Structures are given as C-alpha cells and as structure tokens.
Amino acid sequence: MTQIIPKTENLAQLVFVVRGENVLLDADLATLYGVETGALNRAVKRNMERFPADFMLQLSQEEWEDLKCQIGISSSPGAATNVKKLGAIRSQLVTASAHGGRRAIPSAFTEQGVAMLSSVLRSQRAVEVNIAIMRTFVQLRRLMDSNRDLASKIEAMERRYDEQFSVVFDAIKQLIADDQTRKANPQRPIGFL
C-alpha cells in the first residue's frame, strides 16, 4: 500500500502555537508517520537525550484543555464529530474511543524535535514526512515574516498620516478657539438700543 505524503497546506492545519513555539502534537505526527502514538512515544522515551526541552514540550493540563477547545475534541465516549482529514489520514486526537479517547496529556514537538524524530523512527516514511513538515515550517516562517513586514509598513503609514492629520486637527482646534473667543467678546451689543 502506497501512502500519500501530505501537502504543506494540509500540514499547516496541524501546527499549533504553544508557549510561543510552532508545534505538532505526538498523535498527529504518529498518524503522519504511519505508527501508533504509543510506539512514537516509546521511541522518544528510549532516546530522551535527543529531545531537550526546546525540541519537545510536555503540555500542561491547562494547555491541553485549551488545545482541545481549539481542535474540537470531546471527552464524552464515542463522540467524534469534529474529525480532521488529510486525504486518508485521520488525526488520532479527534477520534474518541468508547473509553473516552486519549488518557495521557500529549507531547508537542517543535521543528527541531520533528527533525530529530526521523532519526529515531528510522524509516523511509519518516524521512519523507519530515521533508514535508520542514517545508511547512519554512512556509509558516515566511508567512510570519511577511506579516511582520506588512505590520511595519502599516505602522509607518499611520505615523505619516498622523503627522498629516495633526495639521488638520490643529486647524480645527484653532477654528474652535477663534469661535469661542468671538462668542466671549461680542463686537456689538445684542438687542434694542
């Protein structure tokens, strides 16, 4: 059976931001690599020296709850209403079993951690998937850089237009001040003389 390598645009949906880092969750990676989540986590545990804190994050309960809300995971038995699909790939995260789905809080892998996974899993599939994932991370980084450039251009425009509008606001303030002065000092008396 030939497995399809996911496309960058599909992989981008699996990337989450946790603690300011772009990460992929262990269950999504296991699905992409064609292995069980438990097998992936056992391989990582056997090689923990390859996964320092900046390569792999152990999510806190609060972070996991926040992600579950974003992903649409139900903890009720048998509820699998929000299923992500990547062609033939179905995320293990969003499929709840009769026992209520996953029991352990997942690990999250940064770009460097994903690169390290291919050396731990040692399969051709892992290498091919890692190439696709690395391309996704590069594309996301380019997108964020272009957003930063756009934000700085907008900020420069705001400064420029603020300067131009300050002249208008100064003129309006002068007109208001002149009007108040004129009202305070009438030139001729009002009424009959």
N, C-alpha and C. Protein backbone atom coordinates (compact mmCIF):
# COMPACT_ATOMS: atom_id res chain seq x y z
N MET A 1 0.84 -1.19 0.00
CA MET A 1 0.00 0.00 0.00
C MET A 1 0.88 1.25 0.00
N THR A 2 0.69 2.12 -0.95
CA THR A 2 1.44 3.36 -1.05
C THR A 2 0.73 4.43 -0.23
N GLN A 3 1.49 5.02 0.68
CA GLN A 3 0.90 6.08 1.49
C GLN A 3 1.20 7.43 0.85
N ILE A 4 0.24 8.32 0.93
CA ILE A 4 0.38 9.65 0.33
C ILE A 4 1.10 10.56 1.31
N ILE A 5 2.10 11.28 0.83
CA ILE A 5 2.78 12.27 1.65
C ILE A 5 1.89 13.51 1.69
N PRO A 6 1.56 13.99 2.88
CA PRO A 6 0.66 15.15 2.97
C PRO A 6 1.29 16.41 2.37
N LYS A 7 0.42 17.30 1.92
CA LYS A 7 0.85 18.56 1.33
C LYS A 7 1.04 19.61 2.42
N THR A 8 1.87 20.60 2.10
CA THR A 8 2.17 21.66 3.05
C THR A 8 0.92 22.36 3.56
N GLU A 9 -0.01 22.65 2.65
CA GLU A 9 -1.22 23.37 3.09
C GLU A 9 -2.06 22.54 4.05
N ASN A 10 -2.02 21.21 3.92
CA ASN A 10 -2.75 20.36 4.86
C ASN A 10 -2.02 20.25 6.19
N LEU A 11 -0.70 20.17 6.14
CA LEU A 11 0.09 20.06 7.37
C LEU A 11 -0.01 21.32 8.22
N ALA A 12 -0.15 22.46 7.57
CA ALA A 12 -0.23 23.72 8.31
C ALA A 12 -1.40 23.72 9.29
N GLN A 13 -2.46 22.97 8.99
CA GLN A 13 -3.61 22.90 9.88
C GLN A 13 -3.29 22.16 11.18
N LEU A 14 -2.24 21.35 11.15
CA LEU A 14 -1.86 20.57 12.33
C LEU A 14 -0.87 21.30 13.23
N VAL A 15 -0.38 22.44 12.80
CA VAL A 15 0.60 23.20 13.57
C VAL A 15 -0.14 24.13 14.54
N PHE A 16 0.24 24.04 15.81
CA PHE A 16 -0.34 24.88 16.85
C PHE A 16 0.76 25.71 17.49
N VAL A 17 0.39 26.82 18.09
CA VAL A 17 1.35 27.65 18.80
C VAL A 17 1.17 27.38 20.29
N VAL A 18 2.24 26.86 20.91
CA VAL A 18 2.25 26.59 22.34
C VAL A 18 3.51 27.22 22.91
N ARG A 19 3.33 28.06 23.91
CA ARG A 19 4.46 28.76 24.55
C ARG A 19 5.30 29.53 23.52
N GLY A 20 4.63 30.09 22.54
CA GLY A 20 5.30 30.89 21.53
C GLY A 20 6.03 30.08 20.48
N GLU A 21 5.88 28.77 20.48
CA GLU A 21 6.55 27.90 19.51
C GLU A 21 5.52 27.24 18.60
N ASN A 22 5.86 27.08 17.34
CA ASN A 22 5.04 26.29 16.43
C ASN A 22 5.34 24.82 16.71
N VAL A 23 4.30 24.05 17.00
CA VAL A 23 4.50 22.65 17.37
C VAL A 23 3.49 21.75 16.66
N LEU A 24 3.85 20.47 16.59
CA LEU A 24 2.96 19.41 16.14
C LEU A 24 2.78 18.45 17.30
N LEU A 25 1.58 17.95 17.48
CA LEU A 25 1.29 17.04 18.59
C LEU A 25 1.68 15.61 18.24
N ASP A 26 2.02 14.84 19.27
CA ASP A 26 2.52 13.48 19.06
C ASP A 26 1.55 12.60 18.28
N ALA A 27 0.27 12.68 18.55
CA ALA A 27 -0.71 11.83 17.86
C ALA A 27 -0.80 12.18 16.38
N ASP A 28 -0.73 13.46 16.06
CA ASP A 28 -0.76 13.86 14.65
C ASP A 28 0.50 13.37 13.93
N LEU A 29 1.65 13.49 14.59
CA LEU A 29 2.89 13.00 13.99
C LEU A 29 2.85 11.50 13.80
N ALA A 30 2.34 10.77 14.80
CA ALA A 30 2.25 9.32 14.68
C ALA A 30 1.38 8.94 13.49
N THR A 31 0.28 9.63 13.31
CA THR A 31 -0.60 9.35 12.17
C THR A 31 0.14 9.61 10.86
N LEU A 32 0.83 10.73 10.79
CA LEU A 32 1.57 11.06 9.58
C LEU A 32 2.66 10.03 9.27
N TYR A 33 3.35 9.55 10.32
CA TYR A 33 4.42 8.57 10.14
C TYR A 33 3.88 7.16 9.92
N GLY A 34 2.59 6.95 10.16
CA GLY A 34 2.02 5.63 9.99
C GLY A 34 2.34 4.68 11.12
N VAL A 35 2.53 5.22 12.33
CA VAL A 35 2.77 4.40 13.51
C VAL A 35 1.74 4.75 14.58
N GLU A 36 1.64 3.93 15.61
CA GLU A 36 0.75 4.24 16.72
C GLU A 36 1.39 5.31 17.59
N THR A 37 0.55 6.10 18.25
CA THR A 37 1.06 7.16 19.14
C THR A 37 1.94 6.57 20.22
N GLY A 38 1.52 5.45 20.79
CA GLY A 38 2.31 4.80 21.84
C GLY A 38 3.68 4.39 21.35
N ALA A 39 3.76 3.87 20.11
CA ALA A 39 5.05 3.47 19.55
C ALA A 39 5.95 4.68 19.36
N LEU A 40 5.39 5.78 18.89
CA LEU A 40 6.17 7.00 18.73
C LEU A 40 6.70 7.48 20.08
N ASN A 41 5.83 7.52 21.08
CA ASN A 41 6.24 7.98 22.41
C ASN A 41 7.26 7.05 23.05
N ARG A 42 7.15 5.74 22.82
CA ARG A 42 8.16 4.80 23.36
C ARG A 42 9.52 5.04 22.69
N ALA A 43 9.52 5.28 21.39
CA ALA A 43 10.78 5.56 20.68
C ALA A 43 11.42 6.83 21.21
N VAL A 44 10.59 7.83 21.51
CA VAL A 44 11.12 9.08 22.06
C VAL A 44 11.69 8.84 23.46
N LYS A 45 10.99 8.10 24.29
CA LYS A 45 11.46 7.83 25.66
C LYS A 45 12.76 7.05 25.66
N ARG A 46 12.93 6.15 24.70
CA ARG A 46 14.19 5.40 24.61
C ARG A 46 15.36 6.31 24.21
N ASN A 47 15.06 7.47 23.63
CA ASN A 47 16.08 8.39 23.12
C ASN A 47 15.90 9.79 23.69
N MET A 48 15.57 9.91 24.95
CA MET A 48 15.27 11.21 25.56
C MET A 48 16.42 12.21 25.43
N GLU A 49 17.67 11.72 25.37
CA GLU A 49 18.81 12.64 25.26
C GLU A 49 18.77 13.42 23.94
N ARG A 50 18.03 12.93 22.96
CA ARG A 50 17.90 13.62 21.67
C ARG A 50 16.79 14.67 21.67
N PHE A 51 16.02 14.74 22.75
CA PHE A 51 14.86 15.64 22.79
C PHE A 51 14.92 16.58 24.00
N PRO A 52 15.81 17.58 23.94
CA PRO A 52 15.85 18.56 25.03
C PRO A 52 14.56 19.38 25.06
N ALA A 53 14.43 20.22 26.06
CA ALA A 53 13.19 20.97 26.29
C ALA A 53 12.79 21.85 25.12
N ASP A 54 13.74 22.31 24.31
CA ASP A 54 13.37 23.15 23.17
C ASP A 54 13.02 22.33 21.93
N PHE A 55 13.13 21.01 21.99
CA PHE A 55 12.73 20.13 20.90
C PHE A 55 11.36 19.51 21.14
N MET A 56 11.05 19.25 22.41
CA MET A 56 9.80 18.59 22.77
C MET A 56 9.25 19.22 24.05
N LEU A 57 7.98 19.59 24.01
CA LEU A 57 7.33 20.19 25.17
C LEU A 57 6.31 19.20 25.72
N GLN A 58 6.32 19.03 27.02
CA GLN A 58 5.24 18.26 27.64
C GLN A 58 4.17 19.27 28.03
N LEU A 59 3.01 19.17 27.41
CA LEU A 59 1.94 20.13 27.66
C LEU A 59 1.44 20.03 29.10
N SER A 60 1.06 21.17 29.64
CA SER A 60 0.41 21.18 30.95
C SER A 60 -1.06 20.83 30.74
N GLN A 61 -1.74 20.52 31.83
CA GLN A 61 -3.17 20.20 31.74
C GLN A 61 -3.95 21.38 31.15
N GLU A 62 -3.60 22.60 31.58
CA GLU A 62 -4.29 23.80 31.08
C GLU A 62 -4.05 24.00 29.58
N GLU A 63 -2.81 23.81 29.13
CA GLU A 63 -2.50 23.94 27.70
C GLU A 63 -3.28 22.90 26.89
N TRP A 64 -3.36 21.68 27.41
CA TRP A 64 -4.07 20.61 26.72
C TRP A 64 -5.56 20.93 26.64
N GLU A 65 -6.13 21.46 27.72
CA GLU A 65 -7.55 21.83 27.71
C GLU A 65 -7.80 22.93 26.68
N ASP A 66 -6.90 23.92 26.62
CA ASP A 66 -7.04 24.99 25.63
C ASP A 66 -6.98 24.44 24.20
N LEU A 67 -6.03 23.53 23.96
CA LEU A 67 -5.91 22.94 22.63
C LEU A 67 -7.13 22.10 22.28
N LYS A 68 -7.64 21.37 23.24
CA LYS A 68 -8.83 20.55 22.98
C LYS A 68 -9.99 21.43 22.54
N CYS A 69 -10.11 22.60 23.14
CA CYS A 69 -11.18 23.52 22.73
C CYS A 69 -10.96 24.00 21.30
N GLN A 70 -9.71 24.29 20.93
CA GLN A 70 -9.40 24.75 19.58
C GLN A 70 -9.63 23.66 18.54
N ILE A 71 -9.27 22.43 18.89
CA ILE A 71 -9.34 21.31 17.96
C ILE A 71 -10.76 20.77 17.87
N GLY A 72 -11.48 20.80 18.96
CA GLY A 72 -12.84 20.28 18.97
C GLY A 72 -12.90 18.85 19.45
N ILE A 73 -12.10 18.53 20.45
CA ILE A 73 -12.08 17.17 20.99
C ILE A 73 -13.12 17.06 22.09
N SER A 74 -13.89 16.01 22.05
CA SER A 74 -14.87 15.75 23.09
C SER A 74 -14.33 14.68 24.01
N SER A 75 -14.59 14.81 25.29
CA SER A 75 -14.16 13.78 26.22
C SER A 75 -15.27 12.77 26.46
N SER A 76 -16.43 12.98 25.83
CA SER A 76 -17.52 12.03 26.02
C SER A 76 -17.30 10.79 25.17
N PRO A 77 -17.65 9.63 25.68
CA PRO A 77 -17.42 8.39 24.94
C PRO A 77 -18.12 8.40 23.59
N GLY A 78 -17.38 7.96 22.57
CA GLY A 78 -17.96 7.79 21.25
C GLY A 78 -18.18 9.06 20.46
N ALA A 79 -17.81 10.21 20.99
CA ALA A 79 -18.05 11.46 20.28
C ALA A 79 -16.87 11.76 19.37
N ALA A 80 -17.09 11.71 18.09
CA ALA A 80 -16.04 12.01 17.12
C ALA A 80 -16.63 12.86 16.01
N THR A 81 -17.23 13.96 16.41
CA THR A 81 -17.96 14.78 15.44
C THR A 81 -17.05 15.70 14.66
N ASN A 82 -15.93 16.12 15.24
CA ASN A 82 -15.06 17.06 14.55
C ASN A 82 -13.79 16.32 14.14
N VAL A 83 -13.81 15.68 13.01
CA VAL A 83 -12.69 14.86 12.57
C VAL A 83 -11.90 15.59 11.50
N LYS A 84 -10.59 15.75 11.72
CA LYS A 84 -9.71 16.37 10.72
C LYS A 84 -9.32 15.29 9.73
N LYS A 85 -9.27 15.65 8.48
CA LYS A 85 -8.84 14.68 7.48
C LYS A 85 -7.74 15.28 6.62
N LEU A 86 -6.74 14.46 6.36
CA LEU A 86 -5.67 14.82 5.43
C LEU A 86 -5.64 13.72 4.37
N GLY A 87 -6.53 13.78 3.42
CA GLY A 87 -6.63 12.68 2.47
C GLY A 87 -7.08 11.45 3.23
N ALA A 88 -6.21 10.45 3.32
CA ALA A 88 -6.55 9.22 4.03
C ALA A 88 -6.14 9.29 5.49
N ILE A 89 -5.52 10.38 5.91
CA ILE A 89 -5.01 10.50 7.27
C ILE A 89 -6.09 11.06 8.18
N ARG A 90 -6.31 10.42 9.30
CA ARG A 90 -7.29 10.90 10.26
C ARG A 90 -6.59 11.07 11.59
N SER A 91 -6.67 12.26 12.19
CA SER A 91 -5.97 12.54 13.43
C SER A 91 -6.49 11.68 14.57
N GLN A 92 -5.59 11.07 15.29
CA GLN A 92 -5.97 10.26 16.45
C GLN A 92 -6.48 11.14 17.57
N LEU A 93 -6.13 12.42 17.51
CA LEU A 93 -6.55 13.32 18.58
C LEU A 93 -8.04 13.54 18.62
N VAL A 94 -8.66 13.55 17.47
CA VAL A 94 -10.06 13.94 17.45
C VAL A 94 -11.01 12.76 17.35
N THR A 95 -10.49 11.56 17.43
CA THR A 95 -11.37 10.40 17.42
C THR A 95 -11.43 9.83 18.82
N ALA A 96 -12.56 9.96 19.42
CA ALA A 96 -12.71 9.47 20.78
C ALA A 96 -13.12 8.00 20.73
N SER A 97 -12.49 7.19 21.55
CA SER A 97 -12.86 5.78 21.60
C SER A 97 -14.02 5.59 22.57
N ALA A 98 -14.44 4.35 22.71
CA ALA A 98 -15.53 4.04 23.64
C ALA A 98 -15.10 4.32 25.07
N HIS A 99 -13.80 4.46 25.28
CA HIS A 99 -13.28 4.74 26.63
C HIS A 99 -13.05 6.23 26.85
N GLY A 100 -13.41 7.05 25.91
CA GLY A 100 -13.29 8.49 26.09
C GLY A 100 -12.06 9.10 25.46
N GLY A 101 -11.40 8.41 24.52
CA GLY A 101 -10.26 9.00 23.82
C GLY A 101 -8.97 8.85 24.57
N ARG A 102 -8.05 9.69 24.30
CA ARG A 102 -6.71 9.62 24.84
C ARG A 102 -6.72 9.91 26.33
N ARG A 103 -5.86 9.22 27.07
CA ARG A 103 -5.83 9.38 28.52
C ARG A 103 -4.65 10.23 28.99
N ALA A 104 -3.56 10.24 28.23
CA ALA A 104 -2.37 10.97 28.63
C ALA A 104 -2.33 12.34 27.95
N ILE A 105 -1.72 13.28 28.62
CA ILE A 105 -1.53 14.61 28.02
C ILE A 105 -0.44 14.47 26.95
N PRO A 106 -0.68 14.99 25.75
CA PRO A 106 0.27 14.77 24.65
C PRO A 106 1.56 15.58 24.80
N SER A 107 2.53 15.13 24.04
CA SER A 107 3.77 15.88 23.88
C SER A 107 3.64 16.69 22.61
N ALA A 108 4.35 17.81 22.56
CA ALA A 108 4.34 18.67 21.38
C ALA A 108 5.78 18.82 20.91
N PHE A 109 5.98 18.67 19.62
CA PHE A 109 7.33 18.70 19.05
C PHE A 109 7.53 19.97 18.23
N THR A 110 8.63 20.66 18.50
CA THR A 110 8.99 21.84 17.72
C THR A 110 9.61 21.38 16.40
N GLU A 111 9.98 22.32 15.57
CA GLU A 111 10.58 22.00 14.28
C GLU A 111 11.82 21.12 14.45
N GLN A 112 12.67 21.46 15.43
CA GLN A 112 13.88 20.67 15.67
C GLN A 112 13.53 19.28 16.19
N GLY A 113 12.50 19.19 17.01
CA GLY A 113 12.07 17.89 17.52
C GLY A 113 11.54 16.99 16.42
N VAL A 114 10.81 17.58 15.49
CA VAL A 114 10.29 16.81 14.35
C VAL A 114 11.46 16.29 13.51
N ALA A 115 12.46 17.13 13.30
CA ALA A 115 13.64 16.70 12.54
C ALA A 115 14.34 15.54 13.24
N MET A 116 14.39 15.59 14.56
CA MET A 116 15.04 14.52 15.33
C MET A 116 14.23 13.23 15.27
N LEU A 117 12.91 13.33 15.14
CA LEU A 117 12.07 12.13 15.09
C LEU A 117 12.43 11.20 13.94
N SER A 118 12.83 11.77 12.80
CA SER A 118 13.16 10.90 11.66
C SER A 118 14.36 10.02 11.98
N SER A 119 15.30 10.51 12.79
CA SER A 119 16.45 9.68 13.14
C SER A 119 16.08 8.63 14.18
N VAL A 120 15.07 8.91 14.99
CA VAL A 120 14.63 7.95 16.00
C VAL A 120 13.77 6.86 15.36
N LEU A 121 12.90 7.24 14.43
CA LEU A 121 11.99 6.27 13.82
C LEU A 121 12.65 5.46 12.71
N ARG A 122 13.64 6.02 12.05
CA ARG A 122 14.45 5.33 11.04
C ARG A 122 13.64 4.59 9.99
N SER A 123 12.74 5.30 9.36
CA SER A 123 12.00 4.68 8.26
C SER A 123 11.97 5.66 7.09
N GLN A 124 11.79 5.11 5.90
CA GLN A 124 11.71 5.96 4.72
C GLN A 124 10.51 6.88 4.81
N ARG A 125 9.41 6.38 5.33
CA ARG A 125 8.18 7.18 5.51
C ARG A 125 8.48 8.38 6.42
N ALA A 126 9.21 8.15 7.52
CA ALA A 126 9.54 9.24 8.45
C ALA A 126 10.36 10.31 7.76
N VAL A 127 11.30 9.91 6.92
CA VAL A 127 12.13 10.88 6.20
C VAL A 127 11.27 11.71 5.24
N GLU A 128 10.39 11.04 4.48
CA GLU A 128 9.55 11.74 3.52
C GLU A 128 8.58 12.70 4.21
N VAL A 129 7.99 12.24 5.30
CA VAL A 129 7.05 13.09 6.03
C VAL A 129 7.80 14.27 6.65
N ASN A 130 9.01 14.02 7.17
CA ASN A 130 9.78 15.12 7.76
C ASN A 130 10.12 16.19 6.74
N ILE A 131 10.42 15.79 5.53
CA ILE A 131 10.69 16.77 4.48
C ILE A 131 9.46 17.64 4.26
N ALA A 132 8.29 17.02 4.19
CA ALA A 132 7.05 17.79 4.02
C ALA A 132 6.81 18.71 5.21
N ILE A 133 7.08 18.22 6.42
CA ILE A 133 6.87 19.04 7.62
C ILE A 133 7.85 20.21 7.65
N MET A 134 9.10 19.97 7.30
CA MET A 134 10.10 21.05 7.29
C MET A 134 9.69 22.13 6.29
N ARG A 135 9.17 21.73 5.14
CA ARG A 135 8.70 22.70 4.16
C ARG A 135 7.53 23.51 4.73
N THR A 136 6.69 22.86 5.50
CA THR A 136 5.56 23.56 6.13
C THR A 136 6.06 24.60 7.11
N PHE A 137 7.01 24.22 7.97
CA PHE A 137 7.57 25.17 8.93
C PHE A 137 8.22 26.35 8.23
N VAL A 138 8.95 26.10 7.15
CA VAL A 138 9.58 27.18 6.39
C VAL A 138 8.52 28.11 5.82
N GLN A 139 7.46 27.53 5.24
CA GLN A 139 6.40 28.35 4.67
C GLN A 139 5.71 29.18 5.76
N LEU A 140 5.47 28.59 6.93
CA LEU A 140 4.86 29.34 8.03
C LEU A 140 5.77 30.48 8.49
N ARG A 141 7.08 30.22 8.54
CA ARG A 141 8.02 31.27 8.93
C ARG A 141 8.02 32.41 7.93
N ARG A 142 7.98 32.08 6.64
CA ARG A 142 7.92 33.12 5.60
C ARG A 142 6.64 33.94 5.74
N LEU A 143 5.54 33.27 6.00
CA LEU A 143 4.26 33.94 6.17
C LEU A 143 4.31 34.90 7.36
N MET A 144 4.90 34.45 8.47
CA MET A 144 5.01 35.32 9.65
C MET A 144 5.92 36.51 9.37
N ASP A 145 7.01 36.27 8.61
CA ASP A 145 7.90 37.38 8.26
C ASP A 145 7.19 38.39 7.38
N SER A 146 6.42 37.92 6.41
CA SER A 146 5.70 38.85 5.55
C SER A 146 4.65 39.62 6.35
N ASN A 147 4.05 38.97 7.35
CA ASN A 147 3.10 39.68 8.21
C ASN A 147 3.80 40.76 9.03
N ARG A 148 5.02 40.47 9.49
CA ARG A 148 5.79 41.48 10.23
C ARG A 148 6.11 42.66 9.32
N ASP A 149 6.52 42.36 8.08
CA ASP A 149 6.81 43.43 7.12
C ASP A 149 5.57 44.28 6.88
N LEU A 150 4.44 43.63 6.70
CA LEU A 150 3.18 44.35 6.46
C LEU A 150 2.83 45.21 7.67
N ALA A 151 3.01 44.67 8.87
CA ALA A 151 2.71 45.43 10.09
C ALA A 151 3.61 46.67 10.19
N SER A 152 4.89 46.53 9.85
CA SER A 152 5.79 47.69 9.94
C SER A 152 5.42 48.74 8.88
N LYS A 153 4.99 48.29 7.69
CA LYS A 153 4.57 49.24 6.66
C LYS A 153 3.31 49.99 7.09
N ILE A 154 2.38 49.28 7.69
CA ILE A 154 1.15 49.92 8.18
C ILE A 154 1.48 50.92 9.27
N GLU A 155 2.39 50.54 10.16
CA GLU A 155 2.80 51.45 11.24
C GLU A 155 3.44 52.72 10.68
N ALA A 156 4.28 52.57 9.65
CA ALA A 156 4.91 53.74 9.02
C ALA A 156 3.85 54.63 8.38
N MET A 157 2.86 54.01 7.74
CA MET A 157 1.78 54.80 7.13
C MET A 157 0.98 55.54 8.20
N GLU A 158 0.72 54.86 9.31
CA GLU A 158 -0.03 55.52 10.40
C GLU A 158 0.73 56.73 10.91
N ARG A 159 2.05 56.57 11.09
CA ARG A 159 2.86 57.71 11.56
C ARG A 159 2.80 58.86 10.56
N ARG A 160 2.94 58.54 9.28
CA ARG A 160 2.93 59.57 8.25
C ARG A 160 1.58 60.28 8.21
N TYR A 161 0.51 59.50 8.24
CA TYR A 161 -0.82 60.11 8.18
C TYR A 161 -1.17 60.82 9.48
N ASP A 162 -0.66 60.34 10.60
CA ASP A 162 -0.89 61.03 11.86
C ASP A 162 -0.28 62.43 11.80
N GLU A 163 0.91 62.53 11.19
CA GLU A 163 1.55 63.85 11.04
C GLU A 163 0.69 64.75 10.15
N GLN A 164 0.19 64.20 9.04
CA GLN A 164 -0.64 65.00 8.14
C GLN A 164 -1.94 65.39 8.82
N PHE A 165 -2.53 64.47 9.55
CA PHE A 165 -3.80 64.77 10.21
C PHE A 165 -3.60 65.69 11.41
N SER A 166 -2.42 65.74 11.97
CA SER A 166 -2.19 66.65 13.09
C SER A 166 -2.34 68.10 12.63
N VAL A 167 -1.96 68.39 11.39
CA VAL A 167 -2.15 69.73 10.83
C VAL A 167 -3.64 70.05 10.74
N VAL A 168 -4.43 69.08 10.29
CA VAL A 168 -5.88 69.26 10.18
C VAL A 168 -6.48 69.47 11.57
N PHE A 169 -6.05 68.63 12.53
CA PHE A 169 -6.57 68.77 13.89
C PHE A 169 -6.18 70.11 14.51
N ASP A 170 -4.97 70.57 14.24
CA ASP A 170 -4.54 71.88 14.75
C ASP A 170 -5.41 72.99 14.15
N ALA A 171 -5.73 72.89 12.87
CA ALA A 171 -6.58 73.90 12.22
C ALA A 171 -7.98 73.88 12.83
N ILE A 172 -8.52 72.70 13.08
CA ILE A 172 -9.85 72.59 13.70
C ILE A 172 -9.82 73.19 15.11
N LYS A 173 -8.78 72.90 15.86
CA LYS A 173 -8.67 73.46 17.22
C LYS A 173 -8.59 74.99 17.17
N GLN A 174 -7.86 75.53 16.19
CA GLN A 174 -7.76 76.98 16.04
C GLN A 174 -9.11 77.60 15.72
N LEU A 175 -9.87 76.95 14.83
CA LEU A 175 -11.21 77.43 14.49
C LEU A 175 -12.12 77.42 15.71
N ILE A 176 -12.04 76.35 16.51
CA ILE A 176 -12.86 76.26 17.72
C ILE A 176 -12.47 77.35 18.70
N ALA A 177 -11.15 77.57 18.86
CA ALA A 177 -10.68 78.60 19.78
C ALA A 177 -11.12 79.99 19.30
N ASP A 178 -11.03 80.26 18.00
CA ASP A 178 -11.47 81.55 17.45
C ASP A 178 -12.96 81.74 17.68
N ASP A 179 -13.74 80.68 17.49
CA ASP A 179 -15.19 80.75 17.69
C ASP A 179 -15.52 81.05 19.15
N GLN A 180 -14.82 80.41 20.07
CA GLN A 180 -15.07 80.65 21.49
C GLN A 180 -14.68 82.08 21.88
N THR A 181 -13.59 82.57 21.30
CA THR A 181 -13.17 83.94 21.57
C THR A 181 -14.20 84.92 21.04
N ARG A 182 -14.71 84.71 19.86
CA ARG A 182 -15.71 85.56 19.27
C ARG A 182 -17.00 85.55 20.10
N LYS A 183 -17.39 84.40 20.62
CA LYS A 183 -18.59 84.31 21.45
C LYS A 183 -18.40 85.02 22.79
N ALA A 184 -17.19 84.97 23.30
CA ALA A 184 -16.91 85.59 24.59
C ALA A 184 -16.85 87.11 24.47
N ASN A 185 -16.41 87.65 23.34
CA ASN A 185 -16.30 89.09 23.14
C ASN A 185 -17.16 89.53 21.96
N PRO A 186 -18.47 89.71 22.15
CA PRO A 186 -19.30 90.16 21.02
C PRO A 186 -18.89 91.57 20.62
N GLN A 187 -18.90 91.90 19.30
CA GLN A 187 -18.48 93.19 18.82
C GLN A 187 -19.57 94.24 18.95
N ARG A 188 -20.79 93.85 18.92
CA ARG A 188 -21.87 94.83 19.09
C ARG A 188 -22.87 94.25 20.08
N PRO A 189 -23.50 95.09 20.75
CA PRO A 189 -24.48 94.62 21.72
C PRO A 189 -25.68 94.03 21.01
N ILE A 190 -26.27 93.07 21.67
CA ILE A 190 -27.44 92.41 21.14
C ILE A 190 -28.68 93.04 21.75
N GLY A 191 -29.71 93.25 20.93
CA GLY A 191 -30.95 93.81 21.44
C GLY A 191 -31.22 95.21 20.94
N PHE A 192 -32.31 95.84 21.45
CA PHE A 192 -32.67 97.19 21.03
C PHE A 192 -31.95 98.19 21.88
N LEU A 193 -31.57 99.31 21.26
CA LEU A 193 -30.91 100.37 21.98
C LEU A 193 -31.80 101.59 22.10
